[in-house]
Amino acid sequence: MADLRSAALLVYRRKPSLEILAVHPGGPFFVRKDDGVWSLPKGLIEPDDDELATARREFAEEIGIPAPSGPIIELGEVKQAGGKIVVAFAVEADLDVSRCESNTFELEWPPKSGKVATFPEVDRAEYFDVETAARKLNPAQVEFVQRLLEQLRSAAG
């Protein structure tokens, strides 16, 4: 896992205060989990892939709508507890994510049953105010929200 790198797209809106779009992982392991398991839409960067292009592609795959266009804010990278490195980019957009349609994955479920079930990679997407996002997001990814806030403050003068 230590060599894995993912690219994420942090979509934010100002309605009227800043809100962050996050996704909840699908599948049986996360059904009853909430705080600390949400994520920015993200996916693995393959060798020779462009990081921003990967973030935009993964956004579309996980939410089911094209990634928004607009000025991009680079947020750098963080290392998650499991060792994965995540690089993130922010873009402002007010999207309707009420009908999130994620790509799927297959998993033997229940374990050792010999049965294979299909689950969505993401089961829902929602905007959260900054305080709630800090509670819901994977702890390492909260740093991206802080960096976005700093950059927006700097840009405002």
Protein backbone atom coordinates (compact mmCIF):
# COMPACT_ATOMS: atom_id res chain seq x y z
CA MET A 1 0.00 0.00 0.00
CA ALA A 2 2.89 2.37 0.71
CA ASP A 3 3.60 2.88 -2.99
CA LEU A 4 -0.01 3.61 -3.94
CA ARG A 5 -0.93 7.12 -5.02
CA SER A 6 -4.43 8.44 -5.56
CA ALA A 7 -5.72 11.67 -7.05
CA ALA A 8 -8.75 13.46 -5.59
CA LEU A 9 -11.02 16.27 -6.65
CA LEU A 10 -12.25 18.50 -3.83
CA VAL A 11 -15.41 20.20 -5.08
CA TYR A 12 -16.62 23.11 -2.98
CA ARG A 13 -19.45 25.63 -3.11
CA ARG A 14 -20.36 28.80 -1.24
CA LYS A 15 -24.02 28.45 -0.31
CA PRO A 16 -23.90 30.86 1.60
CA SER A 17 -20.93 29.51 3.54
CA LEU A 18 -18.28 27.13 2.26
CA GLU A 19 -19.37 23.52 1.75
CA ILE A 20 -17.26 20.50 0.75
CA LEU A 21 -18.47 17.60 -1.40
CA ALA A 22 -17.63 14.19 0.06
CA VAL A 23 -18.53 10.61 -0.81
CA HIS A 24 -19.41 7.68 1.44
CA PRO A 25 -17.81 4.34 0.50
CA GLY A 26 -20.19 1.64 -0.64
CA GLY A 27 -20.08 -2.02 0.23
CA PRO A 28 -20.84 -4.03 3.33
CA PHE A 29 -17.89 -2.87 5.44
CA PHE A 30 -19.05 0.76 5.61
CA VAL A 31 -22.83 0.40 5.92
CA ARG A 32 -22.90 1.36 9.60
CA LYS A 33 -19.84 3.63 9.59
CA ASP A 34 -20.03 7.39 9.18
CA ASP A 35 -17.63 9.78 10.90
CA GLY A 36 -14.08 9.46 9.61
CA VAL A 37 -14.86 7.21 6.61
CA TRP A 38 -16.13 9.70 4.03
CA SER A 39 -13.66 10.73 1.36
CA LEU A 40 -13.03 13.12 -1.46
CA PRO A 41 -13.82 11.39 -4.76
CA LYS A 42 -10.48 9.80 -5.68
CA GLY A 43 -8.78 6.93 -7.40
CA LEU A 44 -5.43 5.32 -8.09
CA ILE A 45 -2.95 7.05 -10.35
CA GLU A 46 -1.59 4.60 -12.90
CA PRO A 47 2.02 4.95 -14.09
CA ASP A 48 2.35 7.81 -16.59
CA ASP A 49 -1.17 9.13 -15.74
CA ASP A 50 -1.71 12.85 -15.30
CA GLU A 51 -2.76 13.48 -11.69
CA LEU A 52 -5.47 16.05 -12.48
CA ALA A 53 -6.86 13.92 -15.32
CA THR A 54 -7.00 10.98 -12.90
CA ALA A 55 -8.84 13.07 -10.30
CA ARG A 56 -11.38 14.20 -12.92
CA ARG A 57 -11.89 10.66 -14.27
CA GLU A 58 -12.34 9.17 -10.81
CA PHE A 59 -14.82 11.90 -9.87
CA ALA A 60 -16.98 10.97 -12.88
CA GLU A 61 -16.73 7.25 -12.09
CA GLU A 62 -17.60 7.62 -8.41
CA ILE A 63 -20.42 10.15 -8.72
CA GLY A 64 -21.80 9.44 -12.17
CA ILE A 65 -21.55 12.96 -13.56
CA PRO A 66 -18.69 14.70 -15.36
CA ALA A 67 -16.14 16.48 -13.20
CA PRO A 68 -16.83 20.21 -13.11
CA SER A 69 -14.62 22.57 -15.07
CA GLY A 70 -13.24 25.83 -13.76
CA PRO A 71 -10.12 27.24 -12.17
CA ILE A 72 -8.16 24.55 -10.31
CA ILE A 73 -6.50 25.05 -6.94
CA GLU A 74 -3.64 22.63 -6.25
CA LEU A 75 -3.78 21.33 -2.68
CA GLY A 76 -0.64 19.18 -2.59
CA GLU A 77 -0.58 15.74 -1.07
CA VAL A 78 -1.14 13.94 2.24
CA LYS A 79 -0.29 10.49 3.51
CA GLN A 80 -3.19 8.48 4.89
CA ALA A 81 -2.84 6.14 7.88
CA GLY A 82 -2.53 3.07 5.64
CA GLY A 83 0.37 4.63 3.74
CA LYS A 84 -1.50 5.70 0.60
CA ILE A 85 -0.49 9.11 -0.75
CA VAL A 86 -3.37 11.29 -1.96
CA VAL A 87 -2.84 14.37 -4.14
CA ALA A 88 -5.81 16.74 -4.41
CA PHE A 89 -7.12 19.53 -6.61
CA ALA A 90 -10.02 21.83 -5.76
CA VAL A 91 -12.65 23.35 -8.05
CA GLU A 92 -15.74 25.38 -7.23
CA ALA A 93 -19.09 23.97 -8.39
CA ASP A 94 -22.65 23.62 -7.14
CA LEU A 95 -23.67 20.19 -8.40
CA ASP A 96 -26.81 18.11 -7.95
CA VAL A 97 -25.44 14.93 -6.40
CA SER A 98 -28.76 13.67 -5.06
CA ARG A 99 -28.66 10.72 -7.47
CA CYS A 100 -25.09 9.51 -7.16
CA GLU A 101 -24.48 6.66 -9.62
CA SER A 102 -21.12 5.11 -8.87
CA ASN A 103 -19.18 2.41 -10.64
CA THR A 104 -19.34 -0.97 -8.89
CA PHE A 105 -17.08 -3.71 -7.58
CA GLU A 106 -17.59 -7.39 -6.84
CA LEU A 107 -16.87 -9.05 -3.52
CA GLU A 108 -17.47 -12.49 -2.05
CA TRP A 109 -20.31 -11.77 0.35
CA PRO A 110 -21.01 -13.03 2.91
CA PRO A 111 -17.40 -14.02 3.52
CA LYS A 112 -16.53 -17.64 2.67
CA SER A 113 -20.02 -18.17 1.20
CA GLY A 114 -18.83 -18.68 -2.35
CA LYS A 115 -21.38 -16.06 -3.45
CA VAL A 116 -20.25 -12.93 -5.26
CA ALA A 117 -22.21 -9.71 -4.75
CA THR A 118 -21.94 -6.39 -6.57
CA PHE A 119 -21.66 -3.16 -4.59
CA PRO A 120 -21.34 0.51 -5.56
CA GLU A 121 -17.90 1.99 -4.93
CA VAL A 122 -19.71 5.03 -3.49
CA ASP A 123 -23.21 4.81 -2.05
CA ARG A 124 -23.89 8.53 -1.62
CA ALA A 125 -22.41 11.98 -2.10
CA GLU A 126 -23.23 15.08 -0.05
CA TYR A 127 -22.05 18.61 0.59
CA PHE A 128 -21.05 19.38 4.18
CA ASP A 129 -20.15 22.61 5.94
CA VAL A 130 -16.46 22.80 6.86
CA GLU A 131 -16.97 21.74 10.49
CA THR A 132 -19.05 18.69 9.56
CA ALA A 133 -16.67 17.77 6.72
CA ALA A 134 -13.78 17.76 9.20
CA ARG A 135 -15.67 15.18 11.27
CA LYS A 136 -16.89 13.02 8.35
CA LEU A 137 -13.75 12.89 6.18
CA ASN A 138 -10.86 10.47 6.46
CA PRO A 139 -8.69 12.29 9.04
CA ALA A 140 -5.73 12.76 6.67
CA GLN A 141 -7.96 14.37 4.02
CA VAL A 142 -9.11 17.09 6.44
CA GLU A 143 -5.76 18.74 5.69
CA PHE A 144 -7.00 19.42 2.13
CA VAL A 145 -9.97 21.37 3.52
CA GLN A 146 -7.61 23.45 5.67
CA ARG A 147 -5.34 24.13 2.70
CA LEU A 148 -8.34 25.18 0.60
CA LEU A 149 -9.48 27.58 3.32
CA GLU A 150 -5.99 29.10 3.49
CA GLN A 151 -5.82 29.56 -0.29
CA LEU A 152 -9.29 31.10 -0.46
CA ARG A 153 -8.39 33.53 2.37
CA SER A 154 -5.15 34.48 0.58
CA ALA A 155 -6.99 35.06 -2.70
CA ALA A 156 -9.54 37.28 -0.93
CA GLY A 157 -6.71 39.46 0.38
